[in-house]
Structures are given as C-alpha cells and as structure tokens.
Amino acid sequence: MPSAKRRASKILNEYGAAQAELIGKAVVLTDGKAGTVEHVWLDELHGLRISIKGHDGRWPVSTVKITEN
C-alpha cells in the first residue's frame, strides 16, 4: 500500500477508535457544560470536535476537562 494510503488508513482507524471511546461518555467541558457525548467529527482546523446531548454547538475535544472512566 502506498504511504499516503497507509497514513490515511491510520487516521481513519484512530478516528473510529476515538468515536467508540467518546460517544456515550459523560463529560464536563472547561466552560462548565456537561452531558453525554452525542457525536464526534473530524475537523480540518481543530481536529476532533464533539457535540453534547442537550447543548447546541460543537466543541474541540481539547476542551474536555473530565471524562467518565
């Protein structure tokens, strides 16, 4: 497999793993919003972004302050 395809495949595999790890987990964002992760997106500017059930918007995953174990 050419190196570009191999790198793209690794990115997609990690994205899938991040979705599996985050969706359904309870989180608290640094701005105080709390809830359950509903969706995960891959954003070309910010990396992973999440939405929280009951709150409008998408936040960078870097704003997650506490996650459920």
PDB file of N, CA and C in Angstrom:
ATOM      1  N   MET A   1       0.853  -1.180   0.000  1.00  0.00           N
ATOM      2  CA  MET A   1       0.000   0.000   0.000  1.00  0.00           C
ATOM      3  C   MET A   1       0.898   1.242   0.000  1.00  0.00           C
ATOM      4  N   PRO A   2       0.651   2.199  -0.873  1.00  0.00           N
ATOM      5  CA  PRO A   2       1.453   3.434  -0.879  1.00  0.00           C
ATOM      6  C   PRO A   2       1.366   4.147   0.472  1.00  0.00           C
ATOM      7  N   SER A   3       2.400   4.901   0.803  1.00  0.00           N
ATOM      8  CA  SER A   3       2.480   5.529   2.123  1.00  0.00           C
ATOM      9  C   SER A   3       1.325   6.495   2.396  1.00  0.00           C
ATOM     10  N   ALA A   4       0.857   7.224   1.405  1.00  0.00           N
ATOM     11  CA  ALA A   4      -0.268   8.148   1.617  1.00  0.00           C
ATOM     12  C   ALA A   4      -1.533   7.383   2.003  1.00  0.00           C
ATOM     13  N   LYS A   5      -1.786   6.276   1.333  1.00  0.00           N
ATOM     14  CA  LYS A   5      -2.958   5.461   1.673  1.00  0.00           C
ATOM     15  C   LYS A   5      -2.809   4.862   3.062  1.00  0.00           C
ATOM     16  N   ARG A   6      -1.616   4.456   3.405  1.00  0.00           N
ATOM     17  CA  ARG A   6      -1.361   3.864   4.721  1.00  0.00           C
ATOM     18  C   ARG A   6      -1.604   4.902   5.822  1.00  0.00           C
ATOM     19  N   ARG A   7      -1.120   6.129   5.622  1.00  0.00           N
ATOM     20  CA  ARG A   7      -1.342   7.197   6.606  1.00  0.00           C
ATOM     21  C   ARG A   7      -2.814   7.528   6.722  1.00  0.00           C
ATOM     22  N   ALA A   8      -3.512   7.612   5.594  1.00  0.00           N
ATOM     23  CA  ALA A   8      -4.955   7.901   5.614  1.00  0.00           C
ATOM     24  C   ALA A   8      -5.713   6.796   6.339  1.00  0.00           C
ATOM     25  N   SER A   9      -5.319   5.566   6.118  1.00  0.00           N
ATOM     26  CA  SER A   9      -5.956   4.435   6.785  1.00  0.00           C
ATOM     27  C   SER A   9      -5.750   4.509   8.299  1.00  0.00           C
ATOM     28  N   LYS A  10      -4.544   4.882   8.734  1.00  0.00           N
ATOM     29  CA  LYS A  10      -4.256   5.021  10.160  1.00  0.00           C
ATOM     30  C   LYS A  10      -5.105   6.124  10.777  1.00  0.00           C
ATOM     31  N   ILE A  11      -5.247   7.238  10.068  1.00  0.00           N
ATOM     32  CA  ILE A  11      -6.066   8.352  10.565  1.00  0.00           C
ATOM     33  C   ILE A  11      -7.505   7.904  10.742  1.00  0.00           C
ATOM     34  N   LEU A  12      -8.055   7.230   9.753  1.00  0.00           N
ATOM     35  CA  LEU A  12      -9.440   6.772   9.846  1.00  0.00           C
ATOM     36  C   LEU A  12      -9.623   5.734  10.946  1.00  0.00           C
ATOM     37  N   ASN A  13      -8.645   4.864  11.133  1.00  0.00           N
ATOM     38  CA  ASN A  13      -8.718   3.885  12.228  1.00  0.00           C
ATOM     39  C   ASN A  13      -8.722   4.580  13.582  1.00  0.00           C
ATOM     40  N   GLU A  14      -7.877   5.585  13.755  1.00  0.00           N
ATOM     41  CA  GLU A  14      -7.830   6.332  15.016  1.00  0.00           C
ATOM     42  C   GLU A  14      -9.114   7.124  15.235  1.00  0.00           C
ATOM     43  N   TYR A  15      -9.667   7.677  14.172  1.00  0.00           N
ATOM     44  CA  TYR A  15     -10.940   8.399  14.261  1.00  0.00           C
ATOM     45  C   TYR A  15     -12.045   7.452  14.740  1.00  0.00           C
ATOM     46  N   GLY A  16     -12.102   6.269  14.182  1.00  0.00           N
ATOM     47  CA  GLY A  16     -13.084   5.272  14.611  1.00  0.00           C
ATOM     48  C   GLY A  16     -12.899   4.886  16.072  1.00  0.00           C
ATOM     49  N   ALA A  17     -11.656   4.743  16.495  1.00  0.00           N
ATOM     50  CA  ALA A  17     -11.375   4.420  17.894  1.00  0.00           C
ATOM     51  C   ALA A  17     -11.802   5.562  18.813  1.00  0.00           C
ATOM     52  N   ALA A  18     -11.563   6.794  18.398  1.00  0.00           N
ATOM     53  CA  ALA A  18     -11.972   7.956  19.199  1.00  0.00           C
ATOM     54  C   ALA A  18     -13.490   8.018  19.320  1.00  0.00           C
ATOM     55  N   GLN A  19     -14.201   7.745  18.224  1.00  0.00           N
ATOM     56  CA  GLN A  19     -15.665   7.717  18.279  1.00  0.00           C
ATOM     57  C   GLN A  19     -16.132   6.669  19.280  1.00  0.00           C
ATOM     58  N   ALA A  20     -15.599   5.473  19.187  1.00  0.00           N
ATOM     59  CA  ALA A  20     -16.001   4.387  20.083  1.00  0.00           C
ATOM     60  C   ALA A  20     -15.712   4.738  21.542  1.00  0.00           C
ATOM     61  N   GLU A  21     -14.605   5.434  21.780  1.00  0.00           N
ATOM     62  CA  GLU A  21     -14.206   5.784  23.140  1.00  0.00           C
ATOM     63  C   GLU A  21     -15.037   6.925  23.717  1.00  0.00           C
ATOM     64  N   LEU A  22     -15.457   7.881  22.878  1.00  0.00           N
ATOM     65  CA  LEU A  22     -16.106   9.084  23.387  1.00  0.00           C
ATOM     66  C   LEU A  22     -17.634   9.055  23.367  1.00  0.00           C
ATOM     67  N   ILE A  23     -18.239   8.498  22.338  1.00  0.00           N
ATOM     68  CA  ILE A  23     -19.696   8.543  22.217  1.00  0.00           C
ATOM     69  C   ILE A  23     -20.335   7.799  23.384  1.00  0.00           C
ATOM     70  N   GLY A  24     -21.268   8.494  24.030  1.00  0.00           N
ATOM     71  CA  GLY A  24     -21.979   7.927  25.170  1.00  0.00           C
ATOM     72  C   GLY A  24     -21.313   8.183  26.511  1.00  0.00           C
ATOM     73  N   LYS A  25     -20.132   8.778  26.519  1.00  0.00           N
ATOM     74  CA  LYS A  25     -19.425   9.054  27.765  1.00  0.00           C
ATOM     75  C   LYS A  25     -19.881  10.389  28.353  1.00  0.00           C
ATOM     76  N   ALA A  26     -19.917  10.458  29.679  1.00  0.00           N
ATOM     77  CA  ALA A  26     -20.230  11.703  30.371  1.00  0.00           C
ATOM     78  C   ALA A  26     -18.984  12.576  30.388  1.00  0.00           C
ATOM     79  N   VAL A  27     -19.144  13.854  30.051  1.00  0.00           N
ATOM     80  CA  VAL A  27     -18.013  14.778  30.023  1.00  0.00           C
ATOM     81  C   VAL A  27     -18.403  16.114  30.639  1.00  0.00           C
ATOM     82  N   VAL A  28     -17.392  16.843  31.087  1.00  0.00           N
ATOM     83  CA  VAL A  28     -17.533  18.222  31.522  1.00  0.00           C
ATOM     84  C   VAL A  28     -16.530  19.019  30.704  1.00  0.00           C
ATOM     85  N   LEU A  29     -17.003  20.081  30.058  1.00  0.00           N
ATOM     86  CA  LEU A  29     -16.116  20.933  29.279  1.00  0.00           C
ATOM     87  C   LEU A  29     -15.524  22.010  30.168  1.00  0.00           C
ATOM     88  N   THR A  30     -14.461  22.623  29.724  1.00  0.00           N
ATOM     89  CA  THR A  30     -13.803  23.656  30.506  1.00  0.00           C
ATOM     90  C   THR A  30     -14.709  24.867  30.725  1.00  0.00           C
ATOM     91  N   ASP A  31     -15.735  25.058  29.892  1.00  0.00           N
ATOM     92  CA  ASP A  31     -16.654  26.189  30.092  1.00  0.00           C
ATOM     93  C   ASP A  31     -17.841  25.825  30.989  1.00  0.00           C
ATOM     94  N   GLY A  32     -17.837  24.626  31.575  1.00  0.00           N
ATOM     95  CA  GLY A  32     -18.867  24.227  32.522  1.00  0.00           C
ATOM     96  C   GLY A  32     -20.010  23.411  31.952  1.00  0.00           C
ATOM     97  N   LYS A  33     -20.114  23.321  30.642  1.00  0.00           N
ATOM     98  CA  LYS A  33     -21.163  22.493  30.052  1.00  0.00           C
ATOM     99  C   LYS A  33     -20.874  21.031  30.372  1.00  0.00           C
ATOM    100  N   ALA A  34     -21.936  20.297  30.669  1.00  0.00           N
ATOM    101  CA  ALA A  34     -21.767  18.888  30.999  1.00  0.00           C
ATOM    102  C   ALA A  34     -22.857  18.085  30.319  1.00  0.00           C
ATOM    103  N   GLY A  35     -22.562  16.842  30.049  1.00  0.00           N
ATOM    104  CA  GLY A  35     -23.529  15.954  29.441  1.00  0.00           C
ATOM    105  C   GLY A  35     -22.844  14.751  28.834  1.00  0.00           C
ATOM    106  N   THR A  36     -23.569  14.126  27.927  1.00  0.00           N
ATOM    107  CA  THR A  36     -23.095  12.924  27.260  1.00  0.00           C
ATOM    108  C   THR A  36     -22.694  13.258  25.834  1.00  0.00           C
ATOM    109  N   VAL A  37     -21.547  12.754  25.406  1.00  0.00           N
ATOM    110  CA  VAL A  37     -21.088  12.985  24.030  1.00  0.00           C
ATOM    111  C   VAL A  37     -22.059  12.289  23.079  1.00  0.00           C
ATOM    112  N   GLU A  38     -22.574  13.074  22.138  1.00  0.00           N
ATOM    113  CA  GLU A  38     -23.558  12.564  21.193  1.00  0.00           C
ATOM    114  C   GLU A  38     -22.932  12.215  19.843  1.00  0.00           C
ATOM    115  N   HIS A  39     -22.041  13.084  19.343  1.00  0.00           N
ATOM    116  CA  HIS A  39     -21.392  12.878  18.042  1.00  0.00           C
ATOM    117  C   HIS A  39     -19.938  13.317  18.117  1.00  0.00           C
ATOM    118  N   VAL A  40     -19.131  12.765  17.226  1.00  0.00           N
ATOM    119  CA  VAL A  40     -17.724  13.154  17.088  1.00  0.00           C
ATOM    120  C   VAL A  40     -17.479  13.441  15.614  1.00  0.00           C
ATOM    121  N   TRP A  41     -16.820  14.573  15.330  1.00  0.00           N
ATOM    122  CA  TRP A  41     -16.487  14.954  13.961  1.00  0.00           C
ATOM    123  C   TRP A  41     -14.991  15.148  13.844  1.00  0.00           C
ATOM    124  N   LEU A  42     -14.489  14.969  12.649  1.00  0.00           N
ATOM    125  CA  LEU A  42     -13.099  15.273  12.346  1.00  0.00           C
ATOM    126  C   LEU A  42     -13.093  16.596  11.611  1.00  0.00           C
ATOM    127  N   ASP A  43     -12.488  17.602  12.210  1.00  0.00           N
ATOM    128  CA  ASP A  43     -12.468  18.960  11.681  1.00  0.00           C
ATOM    129  C   ASP A  43     -11.056  19.280  11.212  1.00  0.00           C
ATOM    130  N   GLU A  44     -10.908  19.742   9.990  1.00  0.00           N
ATOM    131  CA  GLU A  44      -9.579  20.004   9.445  1.00  0.00           C
ATOM    132  C   GLU A  44      -8.848  21.138  10.155  1.00  0.00           C
ATOM    133  N   LEU A  45      -9.552  22.003  10.867  1.00  0.00           N
ATOM    134  CA  LEU A  45      -8.901  23.102  11.580  1.00  0.00           C
ATOM    135  C   LEU A  45      -8.642  22.797  13.053  1.00  0.00           C
ATOM    136  N   HIS A  46      -9.538  22.047  13.678  1.00  0.00           N
ATOM    137  CA  HIS A  46      -9.465  21.853  15.121  1.00  0.00           C
ATOM    138  C   HIS A  46      -9.201  20.418  15.552  1.00  0.00           C
ATOM    139  N   GLY A  47      -9.149  19.494  14.631  1.00  0.00           N
ATOM    140  CA  GLY A  47      -9.007  18.083  15.000  1.00  0.00           C
ATOM    141  C   GLY A  47     -10.367  17.502  15.326  1.00  0.00           C
ATOM    142  N   LEU A  48     -10.464  16.779  16.420  1.00  0.00           N
ATOM    143  CA  LEU A  48     -11.742  16.194  16.806  1.00  0.00           C
ATOM    144  C   LEU A  48     -12.630  17.242  17.464  1.00  0.00           C
ATOM    145  N   ARG A  49     -13.910  17.218  17.113  1.00  0.00           N
ATOM    146  CA  ARG A  49     -14.912  18.078  17.736  1.00  0.00           C
ATOM    147  C   ARG A  49     -16.032  17.174  18.225  1.00  0.00           C
ATOM    148  N   ILE A  50     -16.667  17.566  19.316  1.00  0.00           N
ATOM    149  CA  ILE A  50     -17.744  16.769  19.878  1.00  0.00           C
ATOM    150  C   ILE A  50     -18.994  17.612  20.048  1.00  0.00           C
ATOM    151  N   SER A  51     -20.144  16.950  20.062  1.00  0.00           N
ATOM    152  CA  SER A  51     -21.381  17.611  20.467  1.00  0.00           C
ATOM    153  C   SER A  51     -21.873  16.897  21.710  1.00  0.00           C
ATOM    154  N   ILE A  52     -22.536  17.668  22.563  1.00  0.00           N
ATOM    155  CA  ILE A  52     -23.036  17.138  23.826  1.00  0.00           C
ATOM    156  C   ILE A  52     -24.555  17.183  23.799  1.00  0.00           C
ATOM    157  N   LYS A  53     -25.144  16.073  24.164  1.00  0.00           N
ATOM    158  CA  LYS A  53     -26.596  15.944  24.174  1.00  0.00           C
ATOM    159  C   LYS A  53     -27.193  17.047  25.052  1.00  0.00           C
ATOM    160  N   GLY A  54     -28.174  17.779  24.492  1.00  0.00           N
ATOM    161  CA  GLY A  54     -28.842  18.840  25.228  1.00  0.00           C
ATOM    162  C   GLY A  54     -28.206  20.204  25.097  1.00  0.00           C
ATOM    163  N   HIS A  55     -27.063  20.312  24.391  1.00  0.00           N
ATOM    164  CA  HIS A  55     -26.383  21.596  24.191  1.00  0.00           C
ATOM    165  C   HIS A  55     -26.145  21.791  22.701  1.00  0.00           C
ATOM    166  N   ASP A  56     -26.472  22.983  22.208  1.00  0.00           N
ATOM    167  CA  ASP A  56     -26.217  23.290  20.804  1.00  0.00           C
ATOM    168  C   ASP A  56     -24.750  23.633  20.616  1.00  0.00           C
ATOM    169  N   GLY A  57     -24.169  23.165  19.535  1.00  0.00           N
ATOM    170  CA  GLY A  57     -22.792  23.504  19.199  1.00  0.00           C
ATOM    171  C   GLY A  57     -21.887  22.292  19.110  1.00  0.00           C
ATOM    172  N   ARG A  58     -20.687  22.573  18.648  1.00  0.00           N
ATOM    173  CA  ARG A  58     -19.618  21.574  18.538  1.00  0.00           C
ATOM    174  C   ARG A  58     -18.384  22.166  19.186  1.00  0.00           C
ATOM    175  N   TRP A  59     -17.708  21.364  20.009  1.00  0.00           N
ATOM    176  CA  TRP A  59     -16.541  21.849  20.734  1.00  0.00           C
ATOM    177  C   TRP A  59     -15.334  20.992  20.422  1.00  0.00           C
ATOM    178  N   PRO A  60     -14.145  21.621  20.411  1.00  0.00           N
ATOM    179  CA  PRO A  60     -12.924  20.834  20.235  1.00  0.00           C
ATOM    180  C   PRO A  60     -12.787  19.846  21.385  1.00  0.00           C
ATOM    181  N   VAL A  61     -12.345  18.659  21.095  1.00  0.00           N
ATOM    182  CA  VAL A  61     -12.193  17.638  22.128  1.00  0.00           C
ATOM    183  C   VAL A  61     -11.174  18.086  23.180  1.00  0.00           C
ATOM    184  N   SER A  62     -10.336  19.028  22.845  1.00  0.00           N
ATOM    185  CA  SER A  62      -9.352  19.542  23.807  1.00  0.00           C
ATOM    186  C   SER A  62     -10.008  20.291  24.965  1.00  0.00           C
ATOM    187  N   THR A  63     -11.288  20.666  24.827  1.00  0.00           N
ATOM    188  CA  THR A  63     -11.978  21.371  25.906  1.00  0.00           C
ATOM    189  C   THR A  63     -12.594  20.428  26.923  1.00  0.00           C
ATOM    190  N   VAL A  64     -12.447  19.114  26.725  1.00  0.00           N
ATOM    191  CA  VAL A  64     -12.965  18.151  27.698  1.00  0.00           C
ATOM    192  C   VAL A  64     -12.087  18.212  28.938  1.00  0.00           C
ATOM    193  N   LYS A  65     -12.717  18.552  30.050  1.00  0.00           N
ATOM    194  CA  LYS A  65     -12.000  18.694  31.304  1.00  0.00           C
ATOM    195  C   LYS A  65     -11.963  17.382  32.068  1.00  0.00           C
ATOM    196  N   ILE A  66     -13.093  16.716  32.151  1.00  0.00           N
ATOM    197  CA  ILE A  66     -13.200  15.469  32.900  1.00  0.00           C
ATOM    198  C   ILE A  66     -14.011  14.501  32.063  1.00  0.00           C
ATOM    199  N   THR A  67     -13.574  13.264  31.977  1.00  0.00           N
ATOM    200  CA  THR A  67     -14.365  12.247  31.297  1.00  0.00           C
ATOM    201  C   THR A  67     -14.632  11.102  32.252  1.00  0.00           C
ATOM    202  N   GLU A  68     -15.718  10.448  32.001  1.00  0.00           N
ATOM    203  CA  GLU A  68     -16.107   9.272  32.789  1.00  0.00           C
ATOM    204  C   GLU A  68     -15.126   8.140  32.528  1.00  0.00           C
ATOM    205  N   ASN A  69     -14.748   7.409  33.541  1.00  0.00           N
ATOM    206  CA  ASN A  69     -13.844   6.261  33.359  1.00  0.00           C
ATOM    207  C   ASN A  69     -14.600   5.040  32.947  1.00  0.00           C
TER     208      ASN A  69
END
